[in-house]
PDB file of all heavy atoms in Angstrom:
ATOM      1  N   ARG A   1       0.833  -1.198   0.000  1.00  0.00           N
ATOM      2  CA  ARG A   1       0.000   0.000   0.000  1.00  0.00           C
ATOM      3  C   ARG A   1       0.870   1.250   0.000  1.00  0.00           C
ATOM      4  O   ARG A   1       1.862   1.326   0.721  1.00  0.00           O
ATOM      5  CB  ARG A   1      -0.907   0.017   1.221  1.00  0.00           C
ATOM      6  CG  ARG A   1      -1.881   1.176   1.201  1.00  0.00           C
ATOM      7  CD  ARG A   1      -2.978   1.006   2.199  1.00  0.00           C
ATOM      8  NE  ARG A   1      -3.780   2.223   2.208  1.00  0.00           N
ATOM      9  CZ  ARG A   1      -4.553   2.583   3.203  1.00  0.00           C
ATOM     10  NH1 ARG A   1      -4.655   1.821   4.257  1.00  0.00           N
ATOM     11  NH2 ARG A   1      -5.227   3.691   3.149  1.00  0.00           N
ATOM     12  N   PHE A   2       0.472   2.243  -0.790  1.00  0.00           N
ATOM     13  CA  PHE A   2       1.117   3.547  -0.815  1.00  0.00           C
ATOM     14  C   PHE A   2       0.252   4.489   0.020  1.00  0.00           C
ATOM     15  O   PHE A   2      -0.936   4.661  -0.260  1.00  0.00           O
ATOM     16  CB  PHE A   2       1.235   4.054  -2.258  1.00  0.00           C
ATOM     17  CG  PHE A   2       1.837   5.418  -2.362  1.00  0.00           C
ATOM     18  CD1 PHE A   2       3.198   5.602  -2.163  1.00  0.00           C
ATOM     19  CD2 PHE A   2       1.054   6.518  -2.647  1.00  0.00           C
ATOM     20  CE1 PHE A   2       3.761   6.866  -2.249  1.00  0.00           C
ATOM     21  CE2 PHE A   2       1.603   7.786  -2.742  1.00  0.00           C
ATOM     22  CZ  PHE A   2       2.964   7.958  -2.540  1.00  0.00           C
ATOM     23  N   HIS A   3       0.834   5.080   1.061  1.00  0.00           N
ATOM     24  CA  HIS A   3       0.102   5.973   1.972  1.00  0.00           C
ATOM     25  C   HIS A   3       0.527   7.412   1.733  1.00  0.00           C
ATOM     26  O   HIS A   3       1.721   7.698   1.667  1.00  0.00           O
ATOM     27  CB  HIS A   3       0.418   5.632   3.433  1.00  0.00           C
ATOM     28  CG  HIS A   3       0.022   4.262   3.853  1.00  0.00           C
ATOM     29  ND1 HIS A   3      -1.175   3.980   4.458  1.00  0.00           N
ATOM     30  CD2 HIS A   3       0.686   3.084   3.756  1.00  0.00           C
ATOM     31  CE1 HIS A   3      -1.236   2.689   4.724  1.00  0.00           C
ATOM     32  NE2 HIS A   3      -0.120   2.124   4.307  1.00  0.00           N
ATOM     33  N   GLN A   4      -0.437   8.307   1.647  1.00  0.00           N
ATOM     34  CA  GLN A   4      -0.137   9.728   1.491  1.00  0.00           C
ATOM     35  C   GLN A   4      -0.469  10.529   2.744  1.00  0.00           C
ATOM     36  O   GLN A   4      -0.274  11.734   2.768  1.00  0.00           O
ATOM     37  CB  GLN A   4      -0.865  10.295   0.280  1.00  0.00           C
ATOM     38  CG  GLN A   4      -0.328   9.687  -1.011  1.00  0.00           C
ATOM     39  CD  GLN A   4      -0.969  10.295  -2.226  1.00  0.00           C
ATOM     40  OE1 GLN A   4      -2.181  10.242  -2.389  1.00  0.00           O
ATOM     41  NE2 GLN A   4      -0.151  10.886  -3.079  1.00  0.00           N
ATOM     42  N   LYS A   5      -0.958   9.854   3.757  1.00  0.00           N
ATOM     43  CA  LYS A   5      -1.212  10.498   5.046  1.00  0.00           C
ATOM     44  C   LYS A   5      -1.223   9.411   6.119  1.00  0.00           C
ATOM     45  O   LYS A   5      -1.310   8.215   5.824  1.00  0.00           O
ATOM     46  CB  LYS A   5      -2.523  11.272   5.047  1.00  0.00           C
ATOM     47  CG  LYS A   5      -3.760  10.418   4.876  1.00  0.00           C
ATOM     48  CD  LYS A   5      -5.009  11.260   4.907  1.00  0.00           C
ATOM     49  CE  LYS A   5      -6.224  10.339   4.820  1.00  0.00           C
ATOM     50  NZ  LYS A   5      -7.450  11.037   5.110  1.00  0.00           N
ATOM     51  N   ILE A   6      -1.140   9.841   7.357  1.00  0.00           N
ATOM     52  CA  ILE A   6      -1.149   8.914   8.491  1.00  0.00           C
ATOM     53  C   ILE A   6      -2.442   9.123   9.256  1.00  0.00           C
ATOM     54  O   ILE A   6      -2.756  10.244   9.669  1.00  0.00           O
ATOM     55  CB  ILE A   6       0.078   9.147   9.391  1.00  0.00           C
ATOM     56  CG1 ILE A   6       1.362   8.820   8.609  1.00  0.00           C
ATOM     57  CG2 ILE A   6      -0.014   8.305  10.663  1.00  0.00           C
ATOM     58  CD1 ILE A   6       2.646   9.153   9.339  1.00  0.00           C
ATOM     59  N   ASP A   7      -3.186   8.049   9.457  1.00  0.00           N
ATOM     60  CA  ASP A   7      -4.427   8.085  10.220  1.00  0.00           C
ATOM     61  C   ASP A   7      -4.088   7.798  11.684  1.00  0.00           C
ATOM     62  O   ASP A   7      -3.896   6.649  12.072  1.00  0.00           O
ATOM     63  CB  ASP A   7      -5.404   7.046   9.674  1.00  0.00           C
ATOM     64  CG  ASP A   7      -6.721   6.999  10.418  1.00  0.00           C
ATOM     65  OD1 ASP A   7      -6.908   7.788  11.379  1.00  0.00           O
ATOM     66  OD2 ASP A   7      -7.566   6.161  10.055  1.00  0.00           O
ATOM     67  N   ALA A   8      -3.997   8.839  12.497  1.00  0.00           N
ATOM     68  CA  ALA A   8      -3.602   8.697  13.904  1.00  0.00           C
ATOM     69  C   ALA A   8      -4.568   7.833  14.708  1.00  0.00           C
ATOM     70  O   ALA A   8      -4.184   7.274  15.745  1.00  0.00           O
ATOM     71  CB  ALA A   8      -3.478  10.075  14.540  1.00  0.00           C
ATOM     72  N   SER A   9      -5.804   7.664  14.233  1.00  0.00           N
ATOM     73  CA  SER A   9      -6.803   6.901  14.999  1.00  0.00           C
ATOM     74  C   SER A   9      -6.522   5.399  15.043  1.00  0.00           C
ATOM     75  O   SER A   9      -7.130   4.693  15.825  1.00  0.00           O
ATOM     76  CB  SER A   9      -8.202   7.155  14.435  1.00  0.00           C
ATOM     77  OG  SER A   9      -8.352   6.530  13.165  1.00  0.00           O
ATOM     78  N   ILE A  10      -5.606   4.889  14.190  1.00  0.00           N
ATOM     79  CA  ILE A  10      -5.320   3.451  14.179  1.00  0.00           C
ATOM     80  C   ILE A  10      -4.042   3.097  14.942  1.00  0.00           C
ATOM     81  O   ILE A  10      -3.573   1.962  14.886  1.00  0.00           O
ATOM     82  CB  ILE A  10      -5.251   2.896  12.743  1.00  0.00           C
ATOM     83  CG1 ILE A  10      -4.105   3.522  11.962  1.00  0.00           C
ATOM     84  CG2 ILE A  10      -6.586   3.090  12.032  1.00  0.00           C
ATOM     85  CD1 ILE A  10      -3.836   2.848  10.619  1.00  0.00           C
ATOM     86  N   TYR A  11      -3.496   4.070  15.678  1.00  0.00           N
ATOM     87  CA  TYR A  11      -2.270   3.842  16.448  1.00  0.00           C
ATOM     88  C   TYR A  11      -2.504   4.148  17.910  1.00  0.00           C
ATOM     89  O   TYR A  11      -3.334   4.976  18.226  1.00  0.00           O
ATOM     90  CB  TYR A  11      -1.129   4.719  15.905  1.00  0.00           C
ATOM     91  CG  TYR A  11      -0.768   4.366  14.491  1.00  0.00           C
ATOM     92  CD1 TYR A  11      -1.186   5.155  13.435  1.00  0.00           C
ATOM     93  CD2 TYR A  11      -0.041   3.225  14.225  1.00  0.00           C
ATOM     94  CE1 TYR A  11      -0.870   4.823  12.134  1.00  0.00           C
ATOM     95  CE2 TYR A  11       0.278   2.885  12.910  1.00  0.00           C
ATOM     96  CZ  TYR A  11      -0.136   3.686  11.881  1.00  0.00           C
ATOM     97  OH  TYR A  11       0.163   3.341  10.597  1.00  0.00           O
ATOM     98  N   PRO A  12      -1.730   3.511  18.797  1.00  0.00           N
ATOM     99  CA  PRO A  12      -0.695   2.508  18.549  1.00  0.00           C
ATOM    100  C   PRO A  12      -1.306   1.196  18.065  1.00  0.00           C
ATOM    101  O   PRO A  12      -2.477   0.913  18.316  1.00  0.00           O
ATOM    102  CB  PRO A  12      -0.008   2.330  19.898  1.00  0.00           C
ATOM    103  CG  PRO A  12      -1.035   2.712  20.898  1.00  0.00           C
ATOM    104  CD  PRO A  12      -1.900   3.754  20.233  1.00  0.00           C
ATOM    105  N   GLN A  13      -0.475   0.407  17.370  1.00  0.00           N
ATOM    106  CA  GLN A  13      -0.949  -0.879  16.869  1.00  0.00           C
ATOM    107  C   GLN A  13       0.124  -1.939  17.028  1.00  0.00           C
ATOM    108  O   GLN A  13       1.299  -1.650  17.230  1.00  0.00           O
ATOM    109  CB  GLN A  13      -1.440  -0.798  15.422  1.00  0.00           C
ATOM    110  CG  GLN A  13      -0.394  -0.538  14.399  1.00  0.00           C
ATOM    111  CD  GLN A  13      -0.949  -0.546  12.975  1.00  0.00           C
ATOM    112  OE1 GLN A  13      -0.318  -1.124  12.120  1.00  0.00           O
ATOM    113  NE2 GLN A  13      -2.078   0.088  12.701  1.00  0.00           N
ATOM    114  N   VAL A  14      -0.333  -3.176  16.916  1.00  0.00           N
ATOM    115  CA  VAL A  14       0.534  -4.349  16.975  1.00  0.00           C
ATOM    116  C   VAL A  14      -0.058  -5.363  16.010  1.00  0.00           C
ATOM    117  O   VAL A  14      -1.267  -5.392  15.798  1.00  0.00           O
ATOM    118  CB  VAL A  14       0.626  -4.913  18.418  1.00  0.00           C
ATOM    119  CG1 VAL A  14      -0.716  -5.399  18.918  1.00  0.00           C
ATOM    120  CG2 VAL A  14       1.681  -5.996  18.524  1.00  0.00           C
ATOM    121  N   HIS A  15       0.796  -6.177  15.371  1.00  0.00           N
ATOM    122  CA  HIS A  15       0.269  -7.202  14.478  1.00  0.00           C
ATOM    123  C   HIS A  15       1.097  -8.468  14.519  1.00  0.00           C
ATOM    124  O   HIS A  15       2.154  -8.505  15.138  1.00  0.00           O
ATOM    125  CB  HIS A  15       0.084  -6.703  13.048  1.00  0.00           C
ATOM    126  CG  HIS A  15       1.087  -5.714  12.556  1.00  0.00           C
ATOM    127  ND1 HIS A  15       2.384  -6.020  12.247  1.00  0.00           N
ATOM    128  CD2 HIS A  15       0.948  -4.387  12.319  1.00  0.00           C
ATOM    129  CE1 HIS A  15       3.003  -4.940  11.827  1.00  0.00           C
ATOM    130  NE2 HIS A  15       2.164  -3.929  11.861  1.00  0.00           N
ATOM    131  N   ASP A  16       0.569  -9.502  13.859  1.00  0.00           N
ATOM    132  CA  ASP A  16       1.185 -10.836  13.895  1.00  0.00           C
ATOM    133  C   ASP A  16       1.980 -11.138  12.624  1.00  0.00           C
ATOM    134  O   ASP A  16       2.157 -12.284  12.259  1.00  0.00           O
ATOM    135  CB  ASP A  16       0.115 -11.910  14.144  1.00  0.00           C
ATOM    136  CG  ASP A  16      -0.958 -11.977  13.065  1.00  0.00           C
ATOM    137  OD1 ASP A  16      -0.948 -11.130  12.137  1.00  0.00           O
ATOM    138  OD2 ASP A  16      -1.809 -12.877  13.142  1.00  0.00           O
ATOM    139  N   PHE A  17       2.462 -10.113  11.942  1.00  0.00           N
ATOM    140  CA  PHE A  17       3.244 -10.279  10.708  1.00  0.00           C
ATOM    141  C   PHE A  17       4.324  -9.203  10.654  1.00  0.00           C
ATOM    142  O   PHE A  17       4.259  -8.200  11.372  1.00  0.00           O
ATOM    143  CB  PHE A  17       2.346 -10.198   9.464  1.00  0.00           C
ATOM    144  CG  PHE A  17       1.474  -8.974   9.414  1.00  0.00           C
ATOM    145  CD1 PHE A  17       1.930  -7.799   8.827  1.00  0.00           C
ATOM    146  CD2 PHE A  17       0.192  -8.982   9.955  1.00  0.00           C
ATOM    147  CE1 PHE A  17       1.130  -6.658   8.775  1.00  0.00           C
ATOM    148  CE2 PHE A  17      -0.619  -7.858   9.907  1.00  0.00           C
ATOM    149  CZ  PHE A  17      -0.146  -6.701   9.323  1.00  0.00           C
ATOM    150  N   TYR A  18       5.334  -9.433   9.816  1.00  0.00           N
ATOM    151  CA  TYR A  18       6.379  -8.437   9.598  1.00  0.00           C
ATOM    152  C   TYR A  18       5.846  -7.321   8.713  1.00  0.00           C
ATOM    153  O   TYR A  18       5.008  -7.551   7.850  1.00  0.00           O
ATOM    154  CB  TYR A  18       7.596  -9.069   8.910  1.00  0.00           C
ATOM    155  CG  TYR A  18       8.419  -9.926   9.822  1.00  0.00           C
ATOM    156  CD1 TYR A  18       8.184 -11.299   9.908  1.00  0.00           C
ATOM    157  CD2 TYR A  18       9.431  -9.379  10.600  1.00  0.00           C
ATOM    158  CE1 TYR A  18       8.938 -12.098  10.745  1.00  0.00           C
ATOM    159  CE2 TYR A  18      10.193 -10.175  11.440  1.00  0.00           C
ATOM    160  CZ  TYR A  18       9.942 -11.539  11.514  1.00  0.00           C
ATOM    161  OH  TYR A  18      10.690 -12.316  12.341  1.00  0.00           O
ATOM    162  N   GLU A  19       6.365  -6.122   8.925  1.00  0.00           N
ATOM    163  CA  GLU A  19       6.010  -4.973   8.093  1.00  0.00           C
ATOM    164  C   GLU A  19       7.306  -4.265   7.689  1.00  0.00           C
ATOM    165  O   GLU A  19       8.157  -3.989   8.537  1.00  0.00           O
ATOM    166  CB  GLU A  19       5.123  -4.010   8.874  1.00  0.00           C
ATOM    167  CG  GLU A  19       4.753  -2.763   8.124  1.00  0.00           C
ATOM    168  CD  GLU A  19       3.859  -1.843   8.945  1.00  0.00           C
ATOM    169  OE1 GLU A  19       3.327  -2.249   9.982  1.00  0.00           O
ATOM    170  OE2 GLU A  19       3.708  -0.684   8.509  1.00  0.00           O
ATOM    171  N   ILE A  20       7.453  -4.014   6.414  1.00  0.00           N
ATOM    172  CA  ILE A  20       8.581  -3.239   5.907  1.00  0.00           C
ATOM    173  C   ILE A  20       8.012  -1.929   5.378  1.00  0.00           C
ATOM    174  O   ILE A  20       7.054  -1.931   4.610  1.00  0.00           O
ATOM    175  CB  ILE A  20       9.325  -3.984   4.783  1.00  0.00           C
ATOM    176  CG1 ILE A  20       9.879  -5.298   5.319  1.00  0.00           C
ATOM    177  CG2 ILE A  20      10.436  -3.109   4.209  1.00  0.00           C
ATOM    178  CD1 ILE A  20      10.441  -6.200   4.242  1.00  0.00           C
ATOM    179  N   MET A  21       8.601  -0.824   5.816  1.00  0.00           N
ATOM    180  CA  MET A  21       8.084   0.485   5.451  1.00  0.00           C
ATOM    181  C   MET A  21       9.209   1.331   4.868  1.00  0.00           C
ATOM    182  O   MET A  21      10.313   1.364   5.406  1.00  0.00           O
ATOM    183  CB  MET A  21       7.527   1.164   6.697  1.00  0.00           C
ATOM    184  CG  MET A  21       6.864   2.473   6.410  1.00  0.00           C
ATOM    185  SD  MET A  21       6.627   3.404   7.919  1.00  0.00           S
ATOM    186  CE  MET A  21       8.298   3.842   8.297  1.00  0.00           C
ATOM    187  N   LEU A  22       8.927   2.020   3.766  1.00  0.00           N
ATOM    188  CA  LEU A  22       9.879   2.911   3.120  1.00  0.00           C
ATOM    189  C   LEU A  22       9.293   4.318   3.088  1.00  0.00           C
ATOM    190  O   LEU A  22       8.206   4.527   2.539  1.00  0.00           O
ATOM    191  CB  LEU A  22      10.168   2.444   1.685  1.00  0.00           C
ATOM    192  CG  LEU A  22      11.052   3.343   0.836  1.00  0.00           C
ATOM    193  CD1 LEU A  22      12.463   3.442   1.403  1.00  0.00           C
ATOM    194  CD2 LEU A  22      11.087   2.830  -0.604  1.00  0.00           C
ATOM    195  N   THR A  23       9.993   5.276   3.693  1.00  0.00           N
ATOM    196  CA  THR A  23       9.553   6.669   3.657  1.00  0.00           C
ATOM    197  C   THR A  23       9.902   7.250   2.292  1.00  0.00           C
ATOM    198  O   THR A  23      11.043   7.186   1.861  1.00  0.00           O
ATOM    199  CB  THR A  23      10.240   7.492   4.770  1.00  0.00           C
ATOM    200  OG1 THR A  23      10.033   6.845   6.018  1.00  0.00           O
ATOM    201  CG2 THR A  23       9.681   8.899   4.835  1.00  0.00           C
ATOM    202  N   ILE A  24       8.912   7.786   1.593  1.00  0.00           N
ATOM    203  CA  ILE A  24       9.091   8.324   0.250  1.00  0.00           C
ATOM    204  C   ILE A  24       9.296   9.831   0.270  1.00  0.00           C
ATOM    205  O   ILE A  24      10.186  10.359  -0.383  1.00  0.00           O
ATOM    206  CB  ILE A  24       7.863   7.986  -0.640  1.00  0.00           C
ATOM    207  CG1 ILE A  24       7.668   6.479  -0.743  1.00  0.00           C
ATOM    208  CG2 ILE A  24       7.988   8.623  -2.017  1.00  0.00           C
ATOM    209  CD1 ILE A  24       8.813   5.754  -1.413  1.00  0.00           C
ATOM    210  N   GLU A  25       8.448  10.534   1.017  1.00  0.00           N
ATOM    211  CA  GLU A  25       8.463  11.995   1.008  1.00  0.00           C
ATOM    212  C   GLU A  25       8.188  12.507   2.412  1.00  0.00           C
ATOM    213  O   GLU A  25       7.401  11.918   3.159  1.00  0.00           O
ATOM    214  CB  GLU A  25       7.373  12.500   0.052  1.00  0.00           C
ATOM    215  CG  GLU A  25       7.245  13.993  -0.015  1.00  0.00           C
ATOM    216  CD  GLU A  25       6.081  14.439  -0.896  1.00  0.00           C
ATOM    217  OE1 GLU A  25       5.179  13.637  -1.176  1.00  0.00           O
ATOM    218  OE2 GLU A  25       6.111  15.605  -1.297  1.00  0.00           O
ATOM    219  N   GLY A  26       8.823  13.597   2.778  1.00  0.00           N
ATOM    220  CA  GLY A  26       8.585  14.214   4.075  1.00  0.00           C
ATOM    221  C   GLY A  26       9.284  13.466   5.199  1.00  0.00           C
ATOM    222  O   GLY A  26      10.159  12.641   4.973  1.00  0.00           O
ATOM    223  N   THR A  27       8.868  13.783   6.400  1.00  0.00           N
ATOM    224  CA  THR A  27       9.480  13.214   7.591  1.00  0.00           C
ATOM    225  C   THR A  27       8.373  12.693   8.508  1.00  0.00           C
ATOM    226  O   THR A  27       7.305  13.273   8.576  1.00  0.00           O
ATOM    227  CB  THR A  27      10.307  14.293   8.326  1.00  0.00           C
ATOM    228  OG1 THR A  27      11.248  14.835   7.407  1.00  0.00           O
ATOM    229  CG2 THR A  27      11.051  13.717   9.506  1.00  0.00           C
ATOM    230  N   MET A  28       8.658  11.589   9.199  1.00  0.00           N
ATOM    231  CA  MET A  28       7.714  11.070  10.173  1.00  0.00           C
ATOM    232  C   MET A  28       8.444  10.678  11.442  1.00  0.00           C
ATOM    233  O   MET A  28       9.638  10.390  11.415  1.00  0.00           O
ATOM    234  CB  MET A  28       6.909   9.889   9.626  1.00  0.00           C
ATOM    235  CG  MET A  28       7.600   8.561   9.650  1.00  0.00           C
ATOM    236  SD  MET A  28       6.496   7.173   9.318  1.00  0.00           S
ATOM    237  CE  MET A  28       6.138   7.410   7.604  1.00  0.00           C
ATOM    238  N   GLU A  29       7.698  10.704  12.522  1.00  0.00           N
ATOM    239  CA  GLU A  29       8.215  10.207  13.787  1.00  0.00           C
ATOM    240  C   GLU A  29       7.623   8.823  14.000  1.00  0.00           C
ATOM    241  O   GLU A  29       6.406   8.652  13.925  1.00  0.00           O
ATOM    242  CB  GLU A  29       7.813  11.137  14.928  1.00  0.00           C
ATOM    243  CG  GLU A  29       8.361  10.689  16.265  1.00  0.00           C
ATOM    244  CD  GLU A  29       7.961  11.644  17.367  1.00  0.00           C
ATOM    245  OE1 GLU A  29       8.683  12.632  17.576  1.00  0.00           O
ATOM    246  OE2 GLU A  29       6.904  11.395  17.980  1.00  0.00           O
ATOM    247  N   MET A  30       8.473   7.855  14.216  1.00  0.00           N
ATOM    248  CA  MET A  30       8.048   6.479  14.434  1.00  0.00           C
ATOM    249  C   MET A  30       8.380   6.123  15.879  1.00  0.00           C
ATOM    250  O   MET A  30       9.507   6.356  16.323  1.00  0.00           O
ATOM    251  CB  MET A  30       8.815   5.572  13.471  1.00  0.00           C
ATOM    252  CG  MET A  30       8.392   4.153  13.490  1.00  0.00           C
ATOM    253  SD  MET A  30       6.859   4.032  12.549  1.00  0.00           S
ATOM    254  CE  MET A  30       6.648   2.300  12.539  1.00  0.00           C
ATOM    255  N   GLU A  31       7.394   5.625  16.601  1.00  0.00           N
ATOM    256  CA  GLU A  31       7.656   5.133  17.954  1.00  0.00           C
ATOM    257  C   GLU A  31       7.525   3.624  17.919  1.00  0.00           C
ATOM    258  O   GLU A  31       6.497   3.084  17.510  1.00  0.00           O
ATOM    259  CB  GLU A  31       6.682   5.733  18.965  1.00  0.00           C
ATOM    260  CG  GLU A  31       7.022   5.314  20.378  1.00  0.00           C
ATOM    261  CD  GLU A  31       6.221   6.045  21.436  1.00  0.00           C
ATOM    262  OE1 GLU A  31       5.696   7.136  21.164  1.00  0.00           O
ATOM    263  OE2 GLU A  31       6.125   5.506  22.547  1.00  0.00           O
ATOM    264  N   LEU A  32       8.581   2.931  18.323  1.00  0.00           N
ATOM    265  CA  LEU A  32       8.621   1.474  18.297  1.00  0.00           C
ATOM    266  C   LEU A  32       8.999   0.977  19.684  1.00  0.00           C
ATOM    267  O   LEU A  32      10.106   1.263  20.166  1.00  0.00           O
ATOM    268  CB  LEU A  32       9.634   0.989  17.257  1.00  0.00           C
ATOM    269  CG  LEU A  32       9.753  -0.518  17.086  1.00  0.00           C
ATOM    270  CD1 LEU A  32       8.511  -1.067  16.381  1.00  0.00           C
ATOM    271  CD2 LEU A  32      10.993  -0.862  16.310  1.00  0.00           C
ATOM    272  N   ASN A  33       8.057   0.288  20.328  1.00  0.00           N
ATOM    273  CA  ASN A  33       8.285  -0.250  21.673  1.00  0.00           C
ATOM    274  C   ASN A  33       8.819   0.816  22.627  1.00  0.00           C
ATOM    275  O   ASN A  33       9.725   0.575  23.416  1.00  0.00           O
ATOM    276  CB  ASN A  33       9.223  -1.457  21.620  1.00  0.00           C
ATOM    277  CG  ASN A  33       8.657  -2.587  20.795  1.00  0.00           C
ATOM    278  OD1 ASN A  33       7.455  -2.843  20.817  1.00  0.00           O
ATOM    279  ND2 ASN A  33       9.503  -3.251  20.037  1.00  0.00           N
ATOM    280  N   GLY A  34       8.237   2.027  22.537  1.00  0.00           N
ATOM    281  CA  GLY A  34       8.583   3.107  23.449  1.00  0.00           C
ATOM    282  C   GLY A  34       9.772   3.956  23.033  1.00  0.00           C
ATOM    283  O   GLY A  34      10.077   4.952  23.683  1.00  0.00           O
ATOM    284  N   GLU A  35      10.463   3.598  21.953  1.00  0.00           N
ATOM    285  CA  GLU A  35      11.620   4.363  21.479  1.00  0.00           C
ATOM    286  C   GLU A  35      11.250   5.137  20.218  1.00  0.00           C
ATOM    287  O   GLU A  35      10.739   4.558  19.261  1.00  0.00           O
ATOM    288  CB  GLU A  35      12.776   3.418  21.185  1.00  0.00           C
ATOM    289  CG  GLU A  35      14.070   4.122  20.870  1.00  0.00           C
ATOM    290  CD  GLU A  35      15.228   3.161  20.691  1.00  0.00           C
ATOM    291  OE1 GLU A  35      15.221   2.070  21.288  1.00  0.00           O
ATOM    292  OE2 GLU A  35      16.143   3.509  19.927  1.00  0.00           O
ATOM    293  N   LYS A  36      11.535   6.449  20.208  1.00  0.00           N
ATOM    294  CA  LYS A  36      11.176   7.294  19.067  1.00  0.00           C
ATOM    295  C   LYS A  36      12.338   7.430  18.092  1.00  0.00           C
ATOM    296  O   LYS A  36      13.485   7.582  18.490  1.00  0.00           O
ATOM    297  CB  LYS A  36      10.742   8.673  19.540  1.00  0.00           C
ATOM    298  CG  LYS A  36       9.424   8.641  20.288  1.00  0.00           C
ATOM    299  CD  LYS A  36       8.987  10.010  20.697  1.00  0.00           C
ATOM    300  CE  LYS A  36       7.668   9.916  21.465  1.00  0.00           C
ATOM    301  NZ  LYS A  36       7.190  11.224  21.890  1.00  0.00           N
ATOM    302  N   LYS A  37      12.003   7.375  16.790  1.00  0.00           N
ATOM    303  CA  LYS A  37      12.964   7.561  15.704  1.00  0.00           C
ATOM    304  C   LYS A  37      12.363   8.565  14.723  1.00  0.00           C
ATOM    305  O   LYS A  37      11.164   8.542  14.478  1.00  0.00           O
ATOM    306  CB  LYS A  37      13.213   6.251  14.945  1.00  0.00           C
ATOM    307  CG  LYS A  37      13.718   5.110  15.781  1.00  0.00           C
ATOM    308  CD  LYS A  37      15.184   5.254  16.034  1.00  0.00           C
ATOM    309  CE  LYS A  37      15.686   4.026  16.783  1.00  0.00           C
ATOM    310  NZ  LYS A  37      17.039   4.162  17.202  1.00  0.00           N
ATOM    311  N   THR A  38      13.204   9.400  14.144  1.00  0.00           N
ATOM    312  CA  THR A  38      12.767  10.307  13.086  1.00  0.00           C
ATOM    313  C   THR A  38      13.212   9.723  11.760  1.00  0.00           C
ATOM    314  O   THR A  38      14.388   9.413  11.580  1.00  0.00           O
ATOM    315  CB  THR A  38      13.366  11.710  13.286  1.00  0.00           C
ATOM    316  OG1 THR A  38      12.946  12.205  14.564  1.00  0.00           O
ATOM    317  CG2 THR A  38      12.889  12.663  12.205  1.00  0.00           C
ATOM    318  N   LEU A  39      12.261   9.543  10.846  1.00  0.00           N
ATOM    319  CA  LEU A  39      12.533   8.932   9.544  1.00  0.00           C
ATOM    320  C   LEU A  39      12.361   9.963   8.443  1.00  0.00           C
ATOM    321  O   LEU A  39      11.321  10.605   8.339  1.00  0.00           O
ATOM    322  CB  LEU A  39      11.587   7.755   9.306  1.00  0.00           C
ATOM    323  CG  LEU A  39      11.548   6.680  10.393  1.00  0.00           C
ATOM    324  CD1 LEU A  39      10.515   5.627  10.053  1.00  0.00           C
ATOM    325  CD2 LEU A  39      12.915   6.058  10.587  1.00  0.00           C
ATOM    326  N   SER A  40      13.381  10.118   7.618  1.00  0.00           N
ATOM    327  CA  SER A  40      13.338  11.037   6.490  1.00  0.00           C
ATOM    328  C   SER A  40      13.257  10.236   5.192  1.00  0.00           C
ATOM    329  O   SER A  40      13.353   9.004   5.211  1.00  0.00           O
ATOM    330  CB  SER A  40      14.554  11.959   6.520  1.00  0.00           C
ATOM    331  OG  SER A  40      15.736  11.223   6.672  1.00  0.00           O
ATOM    332  N   PRO A  41      13.076  10.880   4.047  1.00  0.00           N
ATOM    333  CA  PRO A  41      12.947  10.157   2.779  1.00  0.00           C
ATOM    334  C   PRO A  41      14.107   9.185   2.557  1.00  0.00           C
ATOM    335  O   PRO A  41      15.270   9.512   2.800  1.00  0.00           O
ATOM    336  CB  PRO A  41      12.954  11.274   1.735  1.00  0.00           C
ATOM    337  CG  PRO A  41      12.389  12.446   2.460  1.00  0.00           C
ATOM    338  CD  PRO A  41      12.939  12.333   3.857  1.00  0.00           C
ATOM    339  N   GLY A  42      13.753   7.976   2.141  1.00  0.00           N
ATOM    340  CA  GLY A  42      14.732   6.925   1.904  1.00  0.00           C
ATOM    341  C   GLY A  42      14.923   5.988   3.080  1.00  0.00           C
ATOM    342  O   GLY A  42      15.568   4.950   2.949  1.00  0.00           O
ATOM    343  N   ALA A  43      14.355   6.328   4.226  1.00  0.00           N
ATOM    344  CA  ALA A  43      14.494   5.466   5.405  1.00  0.00           C
ATOM    345  C   ALA A  43      13.669   4.196   5.215  1.00  0.00           C
ATOM    346  O   ALA A  43      12.501   4.245   4.826  1.00  0.00           O
ATOM    347  CB  ALA A  43      14.040   6.193   6.662  1.00  0.00           C
ATOM    348  N   LEU A  44      14.293   3.072   5.470  1.00  0.00           N
ATOM    349  CA  LEU A  44      13.640   1.762   5.394  1.00  0.00           C
ATOM    350  C   LEU A  44      13.544   1.235   6.810  1.00  0.00           C
ATOM    351  O   LEU A  44      14.534   1.238   7.554  1.00  0.00           O
ATOM    352  CB  LEU A  44      14.473   0.824   4.519  1.00  0.00           C
ATOM    353  CG  LEU A  44      13.893  -0.538   4.191  1.00  0.00           C
ATOM    354  CD1 LEU A  44      12.623  -0.390   3.346  1.00  0.00           C
ATOM    355  CD2 LEU A  44      14.920  -1.367   3.436  1.00  0.00           C
ATOM    356  N   PHE A  45      12.368   0.773   7.211  1.00  0.00           N
ATOM    357  CA  PHE A  45      12.118   0.421   8.606  1.00  0.00           C
ATOM    358  C   PHE A  45      11.445  -0.938   8.672  1.00  0.00           C
ATOM    359  O   PHE A  45      10.508  -1.205   7.908  1.00  0.00           O
ATOM    360  CB  PHE A  45      11.212   1.497   9.227  1.00  0.00           C
ATOM    361  CG  PHE A  45      11.297   1.611  10.709  1.00  0.00           C
ATOM    362  CD1 PHE A  45      12.370   2.255  11.303  1.00  0.00           C
ATOM    363  CD2 PHE A  45      10.313   1.083  11.513  1.00  0.00           C
ATOM    364  CE1 PHE A  45      12.444   2.375  12.677  1.00  0.00           C
ATOM    365  CE2 PHE A  45      10.367   1.191  12.882  1.00  0.00           C
ATOM    366  CZ  PHE A  45      11.447   1.845  13.476  1.00  0.00           C
ATOM    367  N   LEU A  46      11.908  -1.814   9.552  1.00  0.00           N
ATOM    368  CA  LEU A  46      11.326  -3.144   9.744  1.00  0.00           C
ATOM    369  C   LEU A  46      10.609  -3.193  11.081  1.00  0.00           C
ATOM    370  O   LEU A  46      11.173  -2.834  12.117  1.00  0.00           O
ATOM    371  CB  LEU A  46      12.414  -4.221   9.712  1.00  0.00           C
ATOM    372  CG  LEU A  46      11.945  -5.640  10.033  1.00  0.00           C
ATOM    373  CD1 LEU A  46      11.013  -6.168   8.945  1.00  0.00           C
ATOM    374  CD2 LEU A  46      13.141  -6.567  10.200  1.00  0.00           C
TER     375      LEU A  46
END
């Protein structure tokens, strides 16, 4: 799926599968197990 916005109402979330995410444009803050990371374009996250 290609996302052009983040729906804050579906977070925090957890799932039973791996997810690979690639930041295409802009910057996002990702919180993973209580640790925050800033992701800029080109960031690949597992």
